[in-house]
C-alpha cells in the first residue's frame, strides 16, 4: 500500500467516514449546481421534451 502511512496519523475510524462524507457533500453540491444552472435538466426530470421548430 503506497499511502499506508496516513493511517499512522489519522485513525481509520475517523478518516474513512470523513472521506466518504466529503465525497457525498461534493456530489450533492455538483448535482445542485447542475440542476440550478441548466434549463434542460429540470425539464428532463419533469418528462417534458423540447419540440423542434419546423
Protein backbone atom coordinates (compact mmCIF):
# COMPACT_ATOMS: atom_id res chain seq x y z
CA UNK A 1 0.00 0.00 0.00
CA UNK A 2 1.63 3.22 -1.15
CA UNK A 3 -0.21 5.62 1.16
CA UNK A 4 -0.49 3.26 4.10
CA UNK A 5 1.38 5.60 6.44
CA UNK A 6 -1.54 8.05 6.50
CA UNK A 7 -3.26 5.71 8.98
CA UNK A 8 -0.39 6.32 11.41
CA UNK A 9 -1.55 9.96 11.60
CA UNK A 10 -5.32 9.61 11.12
CA UNK A 11 -7.27 6.73 12.62
CA UNK A 12 -9.30 4.74 10.08
CA UNK A 13 -12.40 5.14 12.25
CA UNK A 14 -12.12 8.90 11.67
CA UNK A 15 -10.55 9.07 8.20
CA UNK A 16 -12.85 6.73 6.30
CA UNK A 17 -16.15 8.33 7.40
CA UNK A 18 -14.61 11.77 6.83
CA UNK A 19 -13.59 10.82 3.29
CA UNK A 20 -16.98 9.31 2.50
CA UNK A 21 -18.77 12.35 3.92
CA UNK A 22 -16.65 14.66 1.77
CA UNK A 23 -17.47 12.59 -1.33
CA UNK A 24 -21.22 12.76 -0.59
CA UNK A 25 -21.11 16.51 0.04
CA UNK A 26 -19.15 17.13 -3.17
CA UNK A 27 -21.60 15.03 -5.15
CA UNK A 28 -24.63 16.88 -3.76
CA UNK A 29 -23.02 20.26 -4.47
CA UNK A 30 -22.22 19.32 -8.07
CA UNK A 31 -25.71 17.96 -8.69
CA UNK A 32 -27.31 21.05 -7.15
CA UNK A 33 -25.14 23.32 -9.29
CA UNK A 34 -26.05 21.46 -12.47
CA UNK A 35 -29.73 21.48 -11.53
CA UNK A 36 -29.81 25.21 -10.82
CA UNK A 37 -27.65 26.41 -13.73
CA UNK A 38 -29.11 24.42 -16.61
CA UNK A 39 -32.54 24.74 -18.18
CA UNK A 40 -32.76 21.28 -19.71
CA UNK A 41 -32.22 19.16 -16.59
CA UNK A 42 -35.36 20.25 -14.69
CA UNK A 43 -37.37 19.73 -17.88
CA UNK A 44 -35.81 16.29 -18.27
CA UNK A 45 -36.79 15.37 -14.71
CA UNK A 46 -40.36 16.54 -15.37
CA UNK A 47 -40.52 14.35 -18.50
CA UNK A 48 -41.11 17.17 -20.99
CA UNK A 49 -39.29 17.03 -24.27
CA UNK A 50 -38.26 20.05 -26.31
CA UNK A 51 -40.17 20.41 -29.57
CA UNK A 52 -38.01 21.26 -32.58
CA UNK A 53 -39.22 24.13 -34.75
CA UNK A 54 -40.02 23.02 -38.29
